[in-house]
């Protein structure tokens, strides 16, 4: 039972941290710049080059979250075992 709790905390930490530190900052910057109630910026943006960079942040965050999910599900180990078994 304690092992299950540790796994749950590990999953929550991995996906929660990814969401908190990768997706939310990019989402907040996008909303501030391109949201419905756009106001003139009072300071220069910390992330330059506009939509391309913010879109790249979303893509990187999505890739990392999917990779973490596949690793937690054991997909990479499964594929590695199949490839090693087929090579013999």
Protein backbone atom coordinates (compact mmCIF):
# COMPACT_ATOMS: atom_id res chain seq x y z
CA UNK A 1 0.00 0.00 0.00
CA UNK A 2 2.82 2.42 0.79
CA UNK A 3 4.44 1.54 -2.54
CA UNK A 4 1.21 2.51 -4.30
CA UNK A 5 1.18 5.83 -2.45
CA UNK A 6 4.77 6.53 -3.47
CA UNK A 7 3.93 5.78 -7.11
CA UNK A 8 0.90 8.06 -6.96
CA UNK A 9 3.00 10.90 -5.55
CA UNK A 10 5.63 10.26 -8.21
CA UNK A 11 3.06 10.46 -11.01
CA UNK A 12 1.45 13.58 -9.55
CA UNK A 13 4.82 15.24 -9.12
CA UNK A 14 6.00 14.48 -12.64
CA UNK A 15 2.87 15.63 -14.42
CA UNK A 16 2.06 18.43 -11.97
CA UNK A 17 5.53 19.95 -12.25
CA UNK A 18 5.42 19.70 -16.04
CA UNK A 19 2.08 21.46 -16.14
CA UNK A 20 3.06 24.06 -13.57
CA UNK A 21 6.47 24.98 -14.96
CA UNK A 22 6.09 24.29 -18.70
CA UNK A 23 2.51 24.86 -19.80
CA UNK A 24 1.19 27.53 -17.43
CA UNK A 25 3.89 30.18 -18.03
CA UNK A 26 3.51 29.91 -21.80
CA UNK A 27 -0.28 29.97 -21.46
CA UNK A 28 -0.16 33.06 -19.24
CA UNK A 29 2.17 34.88 -21.66
CA UNK A 30 -0.08 33.95 -24.60
CA UNK A 31 -3.20 35.15 -22.77
CA UNK A 32 -1.53 38.42 -21.78
CA UNK A 33 -0.33 39.12 -25.33
CA UNK A 34 -3.06 37.68 -27.53
CA UNK A 35 -6.11 37.20 -25.28
CA UNK A 36 -9.52 38.80 -25.78
CA UNK A 37 -8.84 41.75 -23.49
CA UNK A 38 -5.50 42.80 -24.96
CA UNK A 39 -4.04 45.89 -23.36
CA UNK A 40 -0.89 47.70 -24.40
CA UNK A 41 2.19 46.18 -22.78
CA UNK A 42 3.90 48.41 -20.23
CA UNK A 43 7.19 46.48 -20.32
CA UNK A 44 9.04 44.59 -23.02
CA UNK A 45 8.12 40.88 -23.23
CA UNK A 46 10.59 38.53 -21.55
CA UNK A 47 10.01 35.93 -24.28
CA UNK A 48 10.86 37.57 -27.62
CA UNK A 49 9.66 36.71 -31.17
CA UNK A 50 5.98 36.28 -30.34
CA UNK A 51 3.84 33.35 -31.36
CA UNK A 52 6.62 31.17 -32.79
CA UNK A 53 8.50 30.92 -29.49
CA UNK A 54 5.35 30.46 -27.41
CA UNK A 55 4.13 27.77 -29.80
CA UNK A 56 7.53 26.06 -29.51
CA UNK A 57 7.21 26.12 -25.72
CA UNK A 58 3.82 24.39 -25.98
CA UNK A 59 5.28 21.78 -28.33
CA UNK A 60 8.25 21.12 -26.04
CA UNK A 61 5.99 20.87 -23.00
CA UNK A 62 3.62 18.50 -24.77
CA UNK A 63 6.49 16.33 -25.96
CA UNK A 64 7.99 16.10 -22.47
CA UNK A 65 4.64 15.25 -20.88
CA UNK A 66 3.91 12.53 -23.46
CA UNK A 67 7.43 11.16 -23.01
CA UNK A 68 6.98 11.03 -19.23
CA UNK A 69 3.65 9.27 -19.65
CA UNK A 70 5.10 6.67 -22.00
CA UNK A 71 8.02 6.08 -19.65
CA UNK A 72 5.70 5.67 -16.65
CA UNK A 73 3.57 3.20 -18.61
CA UNK A 74 6.66 1.18 -19.54
CA UNK A 75 6.30 1.62 -23.29
CA UNK A 76 10.00 2.33 -23.83
CA UNK A 77 11.06 -0.80 -21.92
CA UNK A 78 8.53 -2.86 -23.87
CA UNK A 79 9.85 -1.60 -27.21
CA UNK A 80 13.43 -2.15 -26.08
CA UNK A 81 12.64 -5.75 -25.10
CA UNK A 82 10.95 -6.38 -28.46
CA UNK A 83 13.91 -4.94 -30.38
CA UNK A 84 16.46 -6.90 -28.35
CA UNK A 85 14.44 -10.10 -28.66
CA UNK A 86 14.01 -9.70 -32.43
CA UNK A 87 17.71 -9.03 -32.93
CA UNK A 88 18.75 -12.38 -31.44
